[in-house]
């Protein structure tokens, strides 16, 4: 689902391999880094100043879900999920 027909990559929150919201698995599919390393990065950023939790929360709100292509922010604005 990350490869549209025009050849550009899209970043989605994925359901496969999801632990919380699918942000790390979406980043894994997009950049090709193991999701465990991405989770560790978020945990370290959270432990050293709390930035990791803030970044994860923002990504959760802004990144669209792979099933319907609508983010949480877009759904609150009335787009998608009718």
Protein backbone atom coordinates (compact mmCIF):
# COMPACT_ATOMS: atom_id res chain seq x y z
CA UNK A 1 0.00 0.00 0.00
CA UNK A 2 3.02 2.31 0.29
CA UNK A 3 3.62 2.29 -3.50
CA UNK A 4 0.97 4.16 -5.51
CA UNK A 5 0.77 3.57 -9.24
CA UNK A 6 2.65 6.78 -10.11
CA UNK A 7 5.83 5.50 -8.40
CA UNK A 8 5.94 7.88 -5.45
CA UNK A 9 6.20 6.50 -1.92
CA UNK A 10 3.55 7.38 0.66
CA UNK A 11 3.92 7.13 4.43
CA UNK A 12 1.02 5.36 6.20
CA UNK A 13 0.35 3.93 9.65
CA UNK A 14 0.33 0.18 9.00
CA UNK A 15 -1.85 -2.42 10.69
CA UNK A 16 0.53 -5.34 10.11
CA UNK A 17 3.05 -5.49 12.98
CA UNK A 18 1.34 -2.68 14.87
CA UNK A 19 1.93 -2.45 18.62
CA UNK A 20 0.30 0.89 19.46
CA UNK A 21 -0.71 2.95 16.42
CA UNK A 22 1.37 1.61 13.53
CA UNK A 23 3.65 4.63 13.30
CA UNK A 24 6.88 2.63 13.67
CA UNK A 25 5.82 -0.06 11.20
CA UNK A 26 4.83 2.63 8.72
CA UNK A 27 8.24 4.26 9.10
CA UNK A 28 9.86 0.84 8.70
CA UNK A 29 8.11 0.28 5.39
CA UNK A 30 8.90 3.82 4.22
CA UNK A 31 12.61 4.07 5.09
CA UNK A 32 13.56 0.39 5.29
CA UNK A 33 14.87 0.40 8.87
CA UNK A 34 13.80 -2.30 11.36
CA UNK A 35 10.77 -1.21 13.39
CA UNK A 36 12.50 -2.26 16.62
CA UNK A 37 15.26 0.29 15.99
CA UNK A 38 12.67 2.98 15.30
CA UNK A 39 10.83 2.09 18.53
CA UNK A 40 14.14 2.22 20.40
CA UNK A 41 14.81 5.67 18.93
CA UNK A 42 11.41 6.93 20.09
CA UNK A 43 12.03 5.42 23.56
CA UNK A 44 15.45 7.06 23.85
CA UNK A 45 14.11 10.43 22.73
CA UNK A 46 11.32 10.07 25.29
CA UNK A 47 13.74 9.17 28.09
CA UNK A 48 16.00 12.12 27.30
CA UNK A 49 13.60 15.04 27.33
CA UNK A 50 10.23 13.66 26.24
CA UNK A 51 10.60 14.59 22.57
CA UNK A 52 10.02 11.02 21.38
CA UNK A 53 6.54 10.81 22.90
CA UNK A 54 5.61 14.16 21.38
CA UNK A 55 6.90 13.15 17.93
CA UNK A 56 5.08 9.80 18.12
CA UNK A 57 1.82 11.49 19.14
CA UNK A 58 2.12 14.01 16.31
CA UNK A 59 2.84 11.24 13.79
CA UNK A 60 -0.15 9.27 15.10
CA UNK A 61 -2.42 12.26 14.49
CA UNK A 62 -1.00 13.35 11.13
CA UNK A 63 -0.12 10.10 9.31
CA UNK A 64 -3.01 8.49 7.41
CA UNK A 65 -4.10 4.94 8.16
CA UNK A 66 -3.34 2.40 5.43
CA UNK A 67 -6.91 1.08 5.25
CA UNK A 68 -8.72 4.29 4.36
CA UNK A 69 -5.90 6.79 3.74
CA UNK A 70 -7.33 9.29 6.24
CA UNK A 71 -5.44 10.64 9.24
CA UNK A 72 -7.00 11.31 12.63
CA UNK A 73 -6.67 15.06 12.00
CA UNK A 74 -8.49 14.72 8.68
CA UNK A 75 -11.28 12.69 10.26
CA UNK A 76 -11.84 15.42 12.86
CA UNK A 77 -12.01 17.96 10.02
CA UNK A 78 -14.76 15.91 8.40
CA UNK A 79 -12.75 14.34 5.59
CA UNK A 80 -13.19 10.59 4.99
CA UNK A 81 -14.66 7.96 7.31
CA UNK A 82 -18.22 8.78 6.44
